């Protein structure tokens, strides 16, 4: 989202949106330890406008989020976003496991 210019933090000129993305995370992400366990690495959010995540959701490494992304795991279910996934203007609900083989 940001780059350094003359020692100051400025918005990355490649960003499409004028404001920072709106990110809403459910209570599963409240504690730092729980938050860190759910991300393989920090997702690429340069082109993200809005993110809502609720329920038991985990992200693999090198995930890219673009536009509006809403992910809601059903109670008792888990959603695993795989390594390298690109989600653009997606709504994901229910129970989802994608495994490498």
PDB file of N, CA and C in Angstrom:
ATOM      1  N   UNK A   1       0.797  -1.204   0.000  1.00  0.00           N
ATOM      2  CA  UNK A   1       0.000   0.000   0.000  1.00  0.00           C
ATOM      3  C   UNK A   1       0.839   1.267   0.000  1.00  0.00           C
ATOM      4  N   UNK A   2       2.014   1.172   0.608  1.00  0.00           N
ATOM      5  CA  UNK A   2       2.854   2.351   0.756  1.00  0.00           C
ATOM      6  C   UNK A   2       4.265   2.091   0.244  1.00  0.00           C
ATOM      7  N   UNK A   3       4.932   3.159  -0.131  1.00  0.00           N
ATOM      8  CA  UNK A   3       6.336   3.118  -0.512  1.00  0.00           C
ATOM      9  C   UNK A   3       7.043   4.280   0.191  1.00  0.00           C
ATOM     10  N   UNK A   4       8.358   4.222   0.198  1.00  0.00           N
ATOM     11  CA  UNK A   4       9.143   5.309   0.785  1.00  0.00           C
ATOM     12  C   UNK A   4       9.549   6.289  -0.313  1.00  0.00           C
ATOM     13  N   UNK A   5       9.398   7.579  -0.023  1.00  0.00           N
ATOM     14  CA  UNK A   5       9.833   8.616  -0.955  1.00  0.00           C
ATOM     15  C   UNK A   5      10.479   9.725  -0.140  1.00  0.00           C
ATOM     16  N   UNK A   6      11.751   9.922  -0.356  1.00  0.00           N
ATOM     17  CA  UNK A   6      12.511  10.939   0.370  1.00  0.00           C
ATOM     18  C   UNK A   6      12.340  10.801   1.880  1.00  0.00           C
ATOM     19  N   UNK A   7      12.349   9.547   2.353  1.00  0.00           N
ATOM     20  CA  UNK A   7      12.256   9.284   3.781  1.00  0.00           C
ATOM     21  C   UNK A   7      10.843   9.347   4.351  1.00  0.00           C
ATOM     22  N   UNK A   8       9.858   9.548   3.494  1.00  0.00           N
ATOM     23  CA  UNK A   8       8.463   9.608   3.949  1.00  0.00           C
ATOM     24  C   UNK A   8       7.661   8.458   3.357  1.00  0.00           C
ATOM     25  N   UNK A   9       6.680   8.020   4.105  1.00  0.00           N
ATOM     26  CA  UNK A   9       5.779   6.977   3.643  1.00  0.00           C
ATOM     27  C   UNK A   9       4.688   7.615   2.788  1.00  0.00           C
ATOM     28  N   UNK A  10       4.538   7.140   1.533  1.00  0.00           N
ATOM     29  CA  UNK A  10       3.511   7.670   0.633  1.00  0.00           C
ATOM     30  C   UNK A  10       2.733   6.506   0.033  1.00  0.00           C
ATOM     31  N   UNK A  11       1.507   6.779  -0.389  1.00  0.00           N
ATOM     32  CA  UNK A  11       0.688   5.758  -1.020  1.00  0.00           C
ATOM     33  C   UNK A  11       1.366   5.286  -2.296  1.00  0.00           C
ATOM     34  N   UNK A  12       1.383   3.980  -2.487  1.00  0.00           N
ATOM     35  CA  UNK A  12       1.969   3.391  -3.682  1.00  0.00           C
ATOM     36  C   UNK A  12       1.238   3.936  -4.905  1.00  0.00           C
ATOM     37  N   UNK A  13       1.942   4.517  -5.878  1.00  0.00           N
ATOM     38  CA  UNK A  13       1.278   5.088  -7.055  1.00  0.00           C
ATOM     39  C   UNK A  13       0.556   4.037  -7.907  1.00  0.00           C
ATOM     40  N   UNK A  14       0.866   2.763  -7.711  1.00  0.00           N
ATOM     41  CA  UNK A  14       0.199   1.703  -8.466  1.00  0.00           C
ATOM     42  C   UNK A  14      -1.176   1.373  -7.889  1.00  0.00           C
ATOM     43  N   UNK A  15      -1.506   1.932  -6.736  1.00  0.00           N
ATOM     44  CA  UNK A  15      -2.800   1.649  -6.096  1.00  0.00           C
ATOM     45  C   UNK A  15      -3.924   2.313  -6.874  1.00  0.00           C
ATOM     46  N   UNK A  16      -4.988   1.542  -7.192  1.00  0.00           N
ATOM     47  CA  UNK A  16      -6.132   2.040  -7.962  1.00  0.00           C
ATOM     48  C   UNK A  16      -7.036   2.954  -7.150  1.00  0.00           C
ATOM     49  N   UNK A  17      -7.142   2.697  -5.860  1.00  0.00           N
ATOM     50  CA  UNK A  17      -8.095   3.406  -5.004  1.00  0.00           C
ATOM     51  C   UNK A  17      -7.389   4.526  -4.247  1.00  0.00           C
ATOM     52  N   UNK A  18      -8.119   5.619  -4.018  1.00  0.00           N
ATOM     53  CA  UNK A  18      -7.526   6.773  -3.337  1.00  0.00           C
ATOM     54  C   UNK A  18      -7.375   6.556  -1.834  1.00  0.00           C
ATOM     55  N   UNK A  19      -8.179   5.668  -1.264  1.00  0.00           N
ATOM     56  CA  UNK A  19      -8.135   5.443   0.181  1.00  0.00           C
ATOM     57  C   UNK A  19      -7.548   4.067   0.495  1.00  0.00           C
ATOM     58  N   UNK A  20      -7.273   3.851   1.762  1.00  0.00           N
ATOM     59  CA  UNK A  20      -6.796   2.536   2.194  1.00  0.00           C
ATOM     60  C   UNK A  20      -7.979   1.564   2.174  1.00  0.00           C
ATOM     61  N   UNK A  21      -7.723   0.264   2.052  1.00  0.00           N
ATOM     62  CA  UNK A  21      -8.843  -0.684   2.009  1.00  0.00           C
ATOM     63  C   UNK A  21      -9.568  -0.786   3.348  1.00  0.00           C
ATOM     64  N   UNK A  22     -10.852  -1.081   3.272  1.00  0.00           N
ATOM     65  CA  UNK A  22     -11.649  -1.358   4.469  1.00  0.00           C
ATOM     66  C   UNK A  22     -11.468  -2.842   4.767  1.00  0.00           C
ATOM     67  N   UNK A  23     -10.991  -3.165   5.966  1.00  0.00           N
ATOM     68  CA  UNK A  23     -10.757  -4.558   6.331  1.00  0.00           C
ATOM     69  C   UNK A  23     -11.490  -4.848   7.636  1.00  0.00           C
ATOM     70  N   UNK A  24     -12.425  -5.814   7.560  1.00  0.00           N
ATOM     71  CA  UNK A  24     -13.205  -6.210   8.731  1.00  0.00           C
ATOM     72  C   UNK A  24     -12.928  -7.682   9.002  1.00  0.00           C
ATOM     73  N   UNK A  25     -12.363  -7.962  10.172  1.00  0.00           N
ATOM     74  CA  UNK A  25     -12.035  -9.330  10.553  1.00  0.00           C
ATOM     75  C   UNK A  25     -12.892  -9.750  11.744  1.00  0.00           C
ATOM     76  N   UNK A  26     -13.360 -10.997  11.717  1.00  0.00           N
ATOM     77  CA  UNK A  26     -14.191 -11.526  12.790  1.00  0.00           C
ATOM     78  C   UNK A  26     -13.400 -11.742  14.068  1.00  0.00           C
ATOM     79  N   UNK A  27     -14.087 -12.156  15.134  1.00  0.00           N
ATOM     80  CA  UNK A  27     -13.453 -12.330  16.447  1.00  0.00           C
ATOM     81  C   UNK A  27     -12.353 -13.394  16.451  1.00  0.00           C
ATOM     82  N   UNK A  28     -12.350 -14.274  15.469  1.00  0.00           N
ATOM     83  CA  UNK A  28     -11.304 -15.306  15.375  1.00  0.00           C
ATOM     84  C   UNK A  28      -9.926 -14.685  15.143  1.00  0.00           C
ATOM     85  N   UNK A  29      -9.882 -13.432  14.730  1.00  0.00           N
ATOM     86  CA  UNK A  29      -8.623 -12.745  14.420  1.00  0.00           C
ATOM     87  C   UNK A  29      -8.227 -11.733  15.493  1.00  0.00           C
ATOM     88  N   UNK A  30      -8.960 -11.682  16.618  1.00  0.00           N
ATOM     89  CA  UNK A  30      -8.723 -10.661  17.642  1.00  0.00           C
ATOM     90  C   UNK A  30      -7.361 -10.757  18.308  1.00  0.00           C
ATOM     91  N   UNK A  31      -6.975 -11.948  18.717  1.00  0.00           N
ATOM     92  CA  UNK A  31      -5.705 -12.111  19.423  1.00  0.00           C
ATOM     93  C   UNK A  31      -4.570 -12.235  18.414  1.00  0.00           C
ATOM     94  N   UNK A  32      -3.459 -11.620  18.732  1.00  0.00           N
ATOM     95  CA  UNK A  32      -2.318 -11.602  17.812  1.00  0.00           C
ATOM     96  C   UNK A  32      -1.897 -13.011  17.428  1.00  0.00           C
ATOM     97  N   UNK A  33      -1.817 -13.921  18.383  1.00  0.00           N
ATOM     98  CA  UNK A  33      -1.413 -15.294  18.088  1.00  0.00           C
ATOM     99  C   UNK A  33      -2.364 -15.970  17.111  1.00  0.00           C
ATOM    100  N   UNK A  34      -3.656 -15.800  17.326  1.00  0.00           N
ATOM    101  CA  UNK A  34      -4.656 -16.388  16.432  1.00  0.00           C
ATOM    102  C   UNK A  34      -4.573 -15.763  15.047  1.00  0.00           C
ATOM    103  N   UNK A  35      -4.368 -14.458  15.013  1.00  0.00           N
ATOM    104  CA  UNK A  35      -4.229 -13.738  13.744  1.00  0.00           C
ATOM    105  C   UNK A  35      -3.042 -14.290  12.947  1.00  0.00           C
ATOM    106  N   UNK A  36      -1.904 -14.404  13.598  1.00  0.00           N
ATOM    107  CA  UNK A  36      -0.693 -14.861  12.912  1.00  0.00           C
ATOM    108  C   UNK A  36      -0.807 -16.305  12.428  1.00  0.00           C
ATOM    109  N   UNK A  37      -1.512 -17.156  13.189  1.00  0.00           N
ATOM    110  CA  UNK A  37      -1.702 -18.551  12.788  1.00  0.00           C
ATOM    111  C   UNK A  37      -2.538 -18.679  11.519  1.00  0.00           C
ATOM    112  N   UNK A  38      -3.349 -17.698  11.213  1.00  0.00           N
ATOM    113  CA  UNK A  38      -4.276 -17.769  10.089  1.00  0.00           C
ATOM    114  C   UNK A  38      -3.690 -17.262   8.777  1.00  0.00           C
ATOM    115  N   UNK A  39      -2.474 -16.705   8.810  1.00  0.00           N
ATOM    116  CA  UNK A  39      -1.850 -16.184   7.598  1.00  0.00           C
ATOM    117  C   UNK A  39      -0.494 -16.836   7.377  1.00  0.00           C
ATOM    118  N   UNK A  40      -0.314 -17.452   6.174  1.00  0.00           N
ATOM    119  CA  UNK A  40       0.992 -18.002   5.814  1.00  0.00           C
ATOM    120  C   UNK A  40       2.004 -16.888   5.606  1.00  0.00           C
ATOM    121  N   UNK A  41       1.513 -15.753   5.100  1.00  0.00           N
ATOM    122  CA  UNK A  41       2.293 -14.526   4.936  1.00  0.00           C
ATOM    123  C   UNK A  41       1.286 -13.390   4.759  1.00  0.00           C
ATOM    124  N   UNK A  42       1.749 -12.172   4.783  1.00  0.00           N
ATOM    125  CA  UNK A  42       0.853 -11.039   4.597  1.00  0.00           C
ATOM    126  C   UNK A  42       0.325 -11.038   3.171  1.00  0.00           C
ATOM    127  N   UNK A  43      -1.001 -11.043   2.992  1.00  0.00           N
ATOM    128  CA  UNK A  43      -1.553 -11.028   1.629  1.00  0.00           C
ATOM    129  C   UNK A  43      -1.206  -9.732   0.899  1.00  0.00           C
ATOM    130  N   UNK A  44      -1.141  -9.807  -0.417  1.00  0.00           N
ATOM    131  CA  UNK A  44      -0.961  -8.632  -1.266  1.00  0.00           C
ATOM    132  C   UNK A  44      -2.306  -7.926  -1.343  1.00  0.00           C
ATOM    133  N   UNK A  45      -2.394  -6.702  -0.829  1.00  0.00           N
ATOM    134  CA  UNK A  45      -3.654  -5.957  -0.803  1.00  0.00           C
ATOM    135  C   UNK A  45      -3.569  -4.656  -1.600  1.00  0.00           C
ATOM    136  N   UNK A  46      -2.590  -4.543  -2.491  1.00  0.00           N
ATOM    137  CA  UNK A  46      -2.407  -3.320  -3.268  1.00  0.00           C
ATOM    138  C   UNK A  46      -3.674  -2.942  -4.029  1.00  0.00           C
ATOM    139  N   UNK A  47      -4.379  -3.921  -4.580  1.00  0.00           N
ATOM    140  CA  UNK A  47      -5.571  -3.655  -5.381  1.00  0.00           C
ATOM    141  C   UNK A  47      -6.868  -3.983  -4.627  1.00  0.00           C
ATOM    142  N   UNK A  48      -6.794  -4.091  -3.301  1.00  0.00           N
ATOM    143  CA  UNK A  48      -7.964  -4.408  -2.482  1.00  0.00           C
ATOM    144  C   UNK A  48      -8.732  -3.146  -2.120  1.00  0.00           C
ATOM    145  N   UNK A  49     -10.069  -3.211  -2.232  1.00  0.00           N
ATOM    146  CA  UNK A  49     -10.927  -2.114  -1.806  1.00  0.00           C
ATOM    147  C   UNK A  49     -11.601  -2.453  -0.479  1.00  0.00           C
ATOM    148  N   UNK A  50     -12.087  -3.706  -0.355  1.00  0.00           N
ATOM    149  CA  UNK A  50     -12.826  -4.097   0.843  1.00  0.00           C
ATOM    150  C   UNK A  50     -12.604  -5.585   1.113  1.00  0.00           C
ATOM    151  N   UNK A  51     -12.335  -5.926   2.376  1.00  0.00           N
ATOM    152  CA  UNK A  51     -12.194  -7.320   2.789  1.00  0.00           C
ATOM    153  C   UNK A  51     -13.008  -7.539   4.048  1.00  0.00           C
ATOM    154  N   UNK A  52     -13.854  -8.585   4.029  1.00  0.00           N
ATOM    155  CA  UNK A  52     -14.559  -9.028   5.225  1.00  0.00           C
ATOM    156  C   UNK A  52     -14.264 -10.510   5.396  1.00  0.00           C
ATOM    157  N   UNK A  53     -13.809 -10.894   6.583  1.00  0.00           N
ATOM    158  CA  UNK A  53     -13.527 -12.299   6.888  1.00  0.00           C
ATOM    159  C   UNK A  53     -14.194 -12.636   8.211  1.00  0.00           C
ATOM    160  N   UNK A  54     -14.957 -13.740   8.218  1.00  0.00           N
ATOM    161  CA  UNK A  54     -15.636 -14.162   9.429  1.00  0.00           C
ATOM    162  C   UNK A  54     -15.607 -15.679   9.525  1.00  0.00           C
ATOM    163  N   UNK A  55     -15.384 -16.186  10.724  1.00  0.00           N
ATOM    164  CA  UNK A  55     -15.356 -17.624  10.931  1.00  0.00           C
ATOM    165  C   UNK A  55     -13.951 -18.178  10.880  1.00  0.00           C
ATOM    166  N   UNK A  56     -13.859 -19.490  10.811  1.00  0.00           N
ATOM    167  CA  UNK A  56     -12.579 -20.203  10.816  1.00  0.00           C
ATOM    168  C   UNK A  56     -11.990 -20.188   9.409  1.00  0.00           C
ATOM    169  N   UNK A  57     -11.215 -19.154   9.127  1.00  0.00           N
ATOM    170  CA  UNK A  57     -10.629 -18.944   7.797  1.00  0.00           C
ATOM    171  C   UNK A  57      -9.116 -18.830   7.946  1.00  0.00           C
ATOM    172  N   UNK A  58      -8.375 -19.486   7.056  1.00  0.00           N
ATOM    173  CA  UNK A  58      -6.911 -19.391   7.057  1.00  0.00           C
ATOM    174  C   UNK A  58      -6.436 -19.127   5.633  1.00  0.00           C
ATOM    175  N   UNK A  59      -5.328 -18.394   5.512  1.00  0.00           N
ATOM    176  CA  UNK A  59      -4.762 -18.006   4.226  1.00  0.00           C
ATOM    177  C   UNK A  59      -3.380 -18.628   4.060  1.00  0.00           C
ATOM    178  N   UNK A  60      -3.124 -19.224   2.903  1.00  0.00           N
ATOM    179  CA  UNK A  60      -1.788 -19.707   2.587  1.00  0.00           C
ATOM    180  C   UNK A  60      -0.878 -18.525   2.275  1.00  0.00           C
ATOM    181  N   UNK A  61       0.364 -18.817   1.969  1.00  0.00           N
ATOM    182  CA  UNK A  61       1.317 -17.750   1.640  1.00  0.00           C
ATOM    183  C   UNK A  61       1.068 -17.231   0.233  1.00  0.00           C
ATOM    184  N   UNK A  62       1.527 -16.041  -0.023  1.00  0.00           N
ATOM    185  CA  UNK A  62       1.485 -15.406  -1.343  1.00  0.00           C
ATOM    186  C   UNK A  62       0.074 -15.270  -1.916  1.00  0.00           C
ATOM    187  N   UNK A  63      -0.904 -14.990  -1.056  1.00  0.00           N
ATOM    188  CA  UNK A  63      -2.284 -14.775  -1.494  1.00  0.00           C
ATOM    189  C   UNK A  63      -2.442 -13.316  -1.917  1.00  0.00           C
ATOM    190  N   UNK A  64      -3.200 -13.082  -2.983  1.00  0.00           N
ATOM    191  CA  UNK A  64      -3.463 -11.738  -3.475  1.00  0.00           C
ATOM    192  C   UNK A  64      -4.962 -11.471  -3.408  1.00  0.00           C
ATOM    193  N   UNK A  65      -5.338 -10.340  -2.805  1.00  0.00           N
ATOM    194  CA  UNK A  65      -6.740  -9.967  -2.654  1.00  0.00           C
ATOM    195  C   UNK A  65      -6.986  -8.676  -3.420  1.00  0.00           C
ATOM    196  N   UNK A  66      -8.019  -8.691  -4.295  1.00  0.00           N
ATOM    197  CA  UNK A  66      -8.282  -7.534  -5.161  1.00  0.00           C
ATOM    198  C   UNK A  66      -9.766  -7.194  -5.162  1.00  0.00           C
ATOM    199  N   UNK A  67     -10.078  -5.904  -5.269  1.00  0.00           N
ATOM    200  CA  UNK A  67     -11.472  -5.479  -5.327  1.00  0.00           C
ATOM    201  C   UNK A  67     -12.157  -5.706  -3.995  1.00  0.00           C
ATOM    202  N   UNK A  68     -13.337  -6.319  -4.035  1.00  0.00           N
ATOM    203  CA  UNK A  68     -14.091  -6.639  -2.820  1.00  0.00           C
ATOM    204  C   UNK A  68     -14.079  -8.143  -2.613  1.00  0.00           C
ATOM    205  N   UNK A  69     -13.595  -8.573  -1.463  1.00  0.00           N
ATOM    206  CA  UNK A  69     -13.513 -10.000  -1.140  1.00  0.00           C
ATOM    207  C   UNK A  69     -14.218 -10.218   0.198  1.00  0.00           C
ATOM    208  N   UNK A  70     -15.177 -11.153   0.189  1.00  0.00           N
ATOM    209  CA  UNK A  70     -15.921 -11.496   1.403  1.00  0.00           C
ATOM    210  C   UNK A  70     -15.798 -13.001   1.604  1.00  0.00           C
ATOM    211  N   UNK A  71     -15.320 -13.403   2.777  1.00  0.00           N
ATOM    212  CA  UNK A  71     -15.129 -14.820   3.089  1.00  0.00           C
ATOM    213  C   UNK A  71     -15.806 -15.103   4.422  1.00  0.00           C
ATOM    214  N   UNK A  72     -16.791 -16.005   4.405  1.00  0.00           N
ATOM    215  CA  UNK A  72     -17.537 -16.337   5.619  1.00  0.00           C
ATOM    216  C   UNK A  72     -17.615 -17.851   5.753  1.00  0.00           C
ATOM    217  N   UNK A  73     -16.958 -18.381   6.777  1.00  0.00           N
ATOM    218  CA  UNK A  73     -17.022 -19.820   7.054  1.00  0.00           C
ATOM    219  C   UNK A  73     -18.253 -20.105   7.905  1.00  0.00           C
ATOM    220  N   UNK A  74     -18.997 -21.134   7.529  1.00  0.00           N
ATOM    221  CA  UNK A  74     -20.151 -21.551   8.321  1.00  0.00           C
ATOM    222  C   UNK A  74     -19.692 -22.006   9.706  1.00  0.00           C
ATOM    223  N   UNK A  75     -20.532 -21.863  10.733  1.00  0.00           N
ATOM    224  CA  UNK A  75     -20.165 -22.362  12.067  1.00  0.00           C
ATOM    225  C   UNK A  75     -19.796 -23.850  12.002  1.00  0.00           C
ATOM    226  N   UNK A  76     -18.670 -24.202  12.601  1.00  0.00           N
ATOM    227  CA  UNK A  76     -18.203 -25.585  12.583  1.00  0.00           C
ATOM    228  C   UNK A  76     -17.464 -25.972  11.318  1.00  0.00           C
ATOM    229  N   UNK A  77     -17.359 -25.056  10.359  1.00  0.00           N
ATOM    230  CA  UNK A  77     -16.658 -25.318   9.097  1.00  0.00           C
ATOM    231  C   UNK A  77     -15.398 -24.471   9.016  1.00  0.00           C
ATOM    232  N   UNK A  78     -14.528 -24.835   8.083  1.00  0.00           N
ATOM    233  CA  UNK A  78     -13.274 -24.097   7.897  1.00  0.00           C
ATOM    234  C   UNK A  78     -13.082 -23.797   6.424  1.00  0.00           C
ATOM    235  N   UNK A  79     -12.568 -22.623   6.136  1.00  0.00           N
ATOM    236  CA  UNK A  79     -12.196 -22.252   4.769  1.00  0.00           C
ATOM    237  C   UNK A  79     -10.693 -22.039   4.746  1.00  0.00           C
ATOM    238  N   UNK A  80     -10.015 -22.744   3.850  1.00  0.00           N
ATOM    239  CA  UNK A  80      -8.567 -22.612   3.673  1.00  0.00           C
ATOM    240  C   UNK A  80      -8.313 -22.007   2.297  1.00  0.00           C
ATOM    241  N   UNK A  81      -7.762 -20.810   2.256  1.00  0.00           N
ATOM    242  CA  UNK A  81      -7.395 -20.177   0.987  1.00  0.00           C
ATOM    243  C   UNK A  81      -5.986 -20.665   0.658  1.00  0.00           C
ATOM    244  N   UNK A  82      -5.809 -21.343  -0.485  1.00  0.00           N
ATOM    245  CA  UNK A  82      -4.520 -21.979  -0.768  1.00  0.00           C
ATOM    246  C   UNK A  82      -3.406 -20.991  -1.118  1.00  0.00           C
ATOM    247  N   UNK A  83      -2.198 -21.470  -0.959  1.00  0.00           N
ATOM    248  CA  UNK A  83      -0.988 -20.720  -1.301  1.00  0.00           C
ATOM    249  C   UNK A  83      -1.087 -20.215  -2.739  1.00  0.00           C
ATOM    250  N   UNK A  84      -0.767 -18.939  -2.948  1.00  0.00           N
ATOM    251  CA  UNK A  84      -0.723 -18.364  -4.285  1.00  0.00           C
ATOM    252  C   UNK A  84      -2.074 -18.009  -4.887  1.00  0.00           C
ATOM    253  N   UNK A  85      -3.163 -18.156  -4.122  1.00  0.00           N
ATOM    254  CA  UNK A  85      -4.504 -17.859  -4.655  1.00  0.00           C
ATOM    255  C   UNK A  85      -4.643 -16.362  -4.948  1.00  0.00           C
ATOM    256  N   UNK A  86      -5.389 -16.052  -5.998  1.00  0.00           N
ATOM    257  CA  UNK A  86      -5.742 -14.677  -6.332  1.00  0.00           C
ATOM    258  C   UNK A  86      -7.260 -14.586  -6.258  1.00  0.00           C
ATOM    259  N   UNK A  87      -7.759 -13.799  -5.326  1.00  0.00           N
ATOM    260  CA  UNK A  87      -9.205 -13.610  -5.165  1.00  0.00           C
ATOM    261  C   UNK A  87      -9.549 -12.189  -5.562  1.00  0.00           C
ATOM    262  N   UNK A  88     -10.364 -12.056  -6.601  1.00  0.00           N
ATOM    263  CA  UNK A  88     -10.765 -10.732  -7.080  1.00  0.00           C
ATOM    264  C   UNK A  88     -12.280 -10.675  -7.177  1.00  0.00           C
ATOM    265  N   UNK A  89     -12.878  -9.748  -6.402  1.00  0.00           N
ATOM    266  CA  UNK A  89     -14.327  -9.573  -6.390  1.00  0.00           C
ATOM    267  C   UNK A  89     -15.046 -10.906  -6.187  1.00  0.00           C
ATOM    268  N   UNK A  90     -14.711 -11.580  -5.088  1.00  0.00           N
ATOM    269  CA  UNK A  90     -15.261 -12.898  -4.780  1.00  0.00           C
ATOM    270  C   UNK A  90     -15.977 -12.897  -3.448  1.00  0.00           C
ATOM    271  N   UNK A  91     -17.038 -13.720  -3.384  1.00  0.00           N
ATOM    272  CA  UNK A  91     -17.706 -14.038  -2.134  1.00  0.00           C
ATOM    273  C   UNK A  91     -17.555 -15.538  -1.950  1.00  0.00           C
ATOM    274  N   UNK A  92     -16.953 -15.942  -0.836  1.00  0.00           N
ATOM    275  CA  UNK A  92     -16.734 -17.364  -0.540  1.00  0.00           C
ATOM    276  C   UNK A  92     -17.431 -17.655   0.782  1.00  0.00           C
ATOM    277  N   UNK A  93     -18.318 -18.653   0.770  1.00  0.00           N
ATOM    278  CA  UNK A  93     -19.029 -19.017   1.989  1.00  0.00           C
ATOM    279  C   UNK A  93     -19.029 -20.527   2.142  1.00  0.00           C
ATOM    280  N   UNK A  94     -19.305 -20.984   3.350  1.00  0.00           N
ATOM    281  CA  UNK A  94     -19.455 -22.414   3.589  1.00  0.00           C
ATOM    282  C   UNK A  94     -18.217 -23.069   4.135  1.00  0.00           C
ATOM    283  N   UNK A  95     -17.771 -24.118   3.434  1.00  0.00           N
ATOM    284  CA  UNK A  95     -16.663 -24.961   3.861  1.00  0.00           C
ATOM    285  C   UNK A  95     -15.809 -25.227   2.631  1.00  0.00           C
ATOM    286  N   UNK A  96     -14.534 -24.900   2.668  1.00  0.00           N
ATOM    287  CA  UNK A  96     -13.686 -25.040   1.486  1.00  0.00           C
ATOM    288  C   UNK A  96     -12.286 -25.448   1.890  1.00  0.00           C
ATOM    289  N   UNK A  97     -11.821 -26.566   1.341  1.00  0.00           N
ATOM    290  CA  UNK A  97     -10.446 -27.011   1.505  1.00  0.00           C
ATOM    291  C   UNK A  97      -9.900 -27.319   0.109  1.00  0.00           C
ATOM    292  N   UNK A  98      -8.857 -26.628  -0.293  1.00  0.00           N
ATOM    293  CA  UNK A  98      -8.193 -26.921  -1.560  1.00  0.00           C
ATOM    294  C   UNK A  98      -6.797 -27.390  -1.199  1.00  0.00           C
ATOM    295  N   UNK A  99      -6.456 -28.599  -1.625  1.00  0.00           N
ATOM    296  CA  UNK A  99      -5.177 -29.190  -1.244  1.00  0.00           C
ATOM    297  C   UNK A  99      -4.286 -29.379  -2.463  1.00  0.00           C
ATOM    298  N   UNK A 100      -2.992 -29.143  -2.279  1.00  0.00           N
ATOM    299  CA  UNK A 100      -2.008 -29.466  -3.322  1.00  0.00           C
ATOM    300  C   UNK A 100      -1.815 -30.976  -3.330  1.00  0.00           C
ATOM    301  N   UNK A 101      -1.534 -31.534  -4.489  1.00  0.00           N
ATOM    302  CA  UNK A 101      -1.256 -32.988  -4.549  1.00  0.00           C
ATOM    303  C   UNK A 101       0.008 -33.260  -5.324  1.00  0.00           C
TER     304      UNK A 101
END
